[in-house]
Amino acid sequence: MRSFMTLLWAAALTMALVAGLVVVRQAGMLRLHHAIPGVDEAEICELQSAVGLGDLAAAERVLEKKPDLANCVCMGGWRPIHEAARAGDIPMAKLLISKGADLDATTGDGDTALDCAVSSGEVRMIAFLLRRGCTSNRGVALLSRRSTGVGCITLH
């Protein structure tokens, strides 16, 4: 079984490299990133880790040097704003938006930041994103399903 899994990983990594993705080993895990000309992949990993951990100071340091990374595309088409929305991290989302994060960007599955917040049940983040004009029909449908079953949650 172990040799089969190794073979499977090797095939997946080969396909990733052919597709123009960069394989980065970080914290004992392999991560895939879209190759961005002129951008150090370590900076993408640093930003992704900072957003995932909610480390606002670390994210600010990376984005001060390279504000374009606010829209970097990581594995699954996720961008930093999707991760911040999923985690309900409003200060991080504010930082990313101030650096130009695209609220209309979608993941590989077609989810916007609003969809990510709804899927995680992050009501404050949902309200924050709606106030900034983030829309999604999928988000409204998800919100209906997450409610008590009698309708959508009203946000003020």
Protein backbone atom coordinates (compact mmCIF):
# COMPACT_ATOMS: atom_id res chain seq x y z
CA MET A 1 0.00 0.00 0.00
CA ARG A 2 2.82 2.39 0.87
CA SER A 3 4.53 1.97 -2.52
CA PHE A 4 1.19 2.59 -4.28
CA MET A 5 0.76 5.88 -2.37
CA THR A 6 4.31 6.90 -3.25
CA LEU A 7 3.60 6.20 -6.90
CA LEU A 8 0.36 8.19 -6.69
CA TRP A 9 2.17 11.19 -5.16
CA ALA A 10 4.88 11.02 -7.81
CA ALA A 11 2.27 11.08 -10.57
CA ALA A 12 0.41 13.99 -8.96
CA LEU A 13 3.61 16.02 -8.56
CA THR A 14 4.63 15.33 -12.14
CA MET A 15 1.25 16.54 -13.40
CA ALA A 16 1.53 19.64 -11.23
CA LEU A 17 4.92 20.53 -12.66
CA VAL A 18 3.68 20.02 -16.21
CA ALA A 19 0.68 22.28 -15.47
CA GLY A 20 3.01 25.14 -14.50
CA LEU A 21 2.64 24.73 -10.76
CA VAL A 22 5.51 25.00 -8.34
CA VAL A 23 5.87 22.37 -5.65
CA VAL A 24 7.08 23.82 -2.35
CA ARG A 25 7.91 21.88 0.80
CA GLN A 26 6.81 23.83 3.85
CA ALA A 27 6.40 22.67 7.44
CA GLY A 28 6.68 19.04 6.37
CA MET A 29 3.91 19.40 3.79
CA LEU A 30 3.99 19.71 0.04
CA ARG A 31 2.11 22.71 -1.30
CA LEU A 32 1.33 23.60 -4.89
CA HIS A 33 1.34 27.15 -6.19
CA HIS A 34 0.83 28.64 -9.62
CA ALA A 35 4.18 29.87 -10.85
CA ILE A 36 4.27 33.67 -10.88
CA PRO A 37 7.13 35.20 -12.90
CA GLY A 38 9.34 37.43 -10.76
CA VAL A 39 7.81 36.31 -7.47
CA ASP A 40 9.69 34.33 -4.88
CA GLU A 41 7.61 31.26 -4.03
CA ALA A 42 8.80 31.53 -0.42
CA GLU A 43 6.94 34.86 -0.17
CA ILE A 44 3.73 33.21 -1.36
CA CYS A 45 4.19 30.47 1.24
CA GLU A 46 4.93 33.07 3.90
CA LEU A 47 1.76 35.01 3.07
CA GLN A 48 -0.37 31.87 2.85
CA SER A 49 0.94 30.71 6.23
CA ALA A 50 0.40 34.14 7.81
CA VAL A 51 -3.20 34.29 6.57
CA GLY A 52 -3.88 30.69 7.62
CA LEU A 53 -2.52 31.34 11.11
CA GLY A 54 -4.16 34.76 11.40
CA ASP A 55 -0.74 36.44 11.81
CA LEU A 56 -1.61 39.96 10.71
CA ALA A 57 1.88 41.39 11.36
CA ALA A 58 3.55 38.74 9.18
CA ALA A 59 0.99 39.29 6.39
CA GLU A 60 1.59 43.05 6.55
CA ARG A 61 5.36 42.54 6.21
CA VAL A 62 4.95 40.40 3.09
CA LEU A 63 2.35 42.67 1.51
CA GLU A 64 4.40 45.83 2.17
CA LYS A 65 7.14 44.36 -0.02
CA LYS A 66 4.84 42.80 -2.64
CA PRO A 67 1.23 44.07 -2.53
CA ASP A 68 0.44 42.05 -5.68
CA LEU A 69 0.57 38.91 -3.57
CA ALA A 70 -2.85 39.87 -2.17
CA ASN A 71 -4.17 38.17 -5.31
CA CYS A 72 -1.75 35.25 -5.58
CA VAL A 73 -3.41 32.00 -6.58
CA CYS A 74 -2.59 28.96 -4.50
CA MET A 75 -3.64 25.33 -4.59
CA GLY A 76 -7.25 24.81 -5.64
CA GLY A 77 -7.44 28.33 -7.00
CA TRP A 78 -7.66 29.71 -3.46
CA ARG A 79 -6.40 33.22 -2.81
CA PRO A 80 -5.56 34.74 0.57
CA ILE A 81 -8.98 36.47 0.73
CA HIS A 82 -10.70 33.08 0.49
CA GLU A 83 -8.73 31.76 3.45
CA ALA A 84 -9.37 34.91 5.52
CA ALA A 85 -13.10 34.66 4.74
CA ARG A 86 -13.20 30.95 5.63
CA ALA A 87 -11.54 31.70 8.97
CA GLY A 88 -13.74 34.74 9.66
CA ASP A 89 -10.62 36.91 10.07
CA ILE A 90 -11.99 40.40 9.39
CA PRO A 91 -8.76 42.32 10.19
CA MET A 92 -6.89 40.08 7.71
CA ALA A 93 -9.61 40.58 5.09
CA LYS A 94 -9.38 44.37 5.57
CA LEU A 95 -5.62 44.23 5.04
CA LEU A 96 -5.95 42.10 1.90
CA ILE A 97 -8.67 44.35 0.48
CA SER A 98 -6.53 47.44 1.18
CA LYS A 99 -3.78 45.81 -0.91
CA GLY A 100 -6.16 45.12 -3.79
CA ALA A 101 -7.58 41.65 -3.08
CA ASP A 102 -10.24 40.81 -5.67
CA LEU A 103 -13.53 40.04 -3.90
CA ASP A 104 -14.97 38.64 -7.12
CA ALA A 105 -12.15 36.11 -7.55
CA THR A 106 -13.29 32.50 -7.42
CA THR A 107 -11.60 29.33 -6.30
CA GLY A 108 -11.17 26.37 -8.61
CA ASP A 109 -14.64 25.27 -7.46
CA GLY A 110 -16.19 28.64 -8.33
CA ASP A 111 -16.51 29.91 -4.74
CA THR A 112 -16.09 33.57 -3.89
CA ALA A 113 -14.90 34.87 -0.53
CA LEU A 114 -18.57 35.15 0.45
CA ASP A 115 -19.12 31.47 -0.35
CA CYS A 116 -16.13 30.54 1.82
CA ALA A 117 -17.48 32.58 4.74
CA VAL A 118 -20.96 31.10 4.36
CA SER A 119 -19.63 27.53 4.16
CA SER A 120 -17.82 28.11 7.46
CA GLY A 121 -20.78 29.83 9.13
CA GLU A 122 -18.82 33.04 9.71
CA VAL A 123 -21.78 35.43 10.10
CA ARG A 124 -19.70 38.55 10.90
CA MET A 125 -17.50 37.92 7.88
CA ILE A 126 -20.60 37.41 5.71
CA ALA A 127 -21.95 40.80 6.82
CA PHE A 128 -18.53 42.42 6.29
CA LEU A 129 -18.26 41.06 2.73
CA LEU A 130 -21.85 41.96 1.84
CA ARG A 131 -21.23 45.55 2.98
CA ARG A 132 -18.29 45.66 0.57
CA GLY A 133 -20.41 44.49 -2.35
CA CYS A 134 -19.31 40.87 -2.49
CA THR A 135 -22.13 38.90 -4.06
CA SER A 136 -22.79 35.29 -4.92
CA ASN A 137 -25.92 33.36 -5.72
CA ARG A 138 -24.19 30.26 -4.37
CA GLY A 139 -23.53 32.10 -1.10
CA VAL A 140 -27.19 32.93 -0.64
CA ALA A 141 -28.13 29.31 -1.31
CA LEU A 142 -25.53 28.08 1.18
CA LEU A 143 -26.73 30.64 3.71
CA SER A 144 -30.28 29.31 3.37
CA ARG A 145 -29.10 25.76 4.03
CA ARG A 146 -27.05 26.80 7.07
CA SER A 147 -30.01 28.59 8.66
CA THR A 148 -32.67 26.90 10.76
CA GLY A 149 -34.44 25.67 7.64
CA VAL A 150 -37.13 28.33 7.67
CA GLY A 151 -35.32 30.94 5.58
CA CYS A 152 -32.17 32.99 5.33
CA ILE A 153 -30.41 34.62 8.23
CA THR A 154 -31.04 38.39 8.23
CA LEU A 155 -27.84 40.43 8.46
CA HIS A 156 -27.83 44.02 9.75
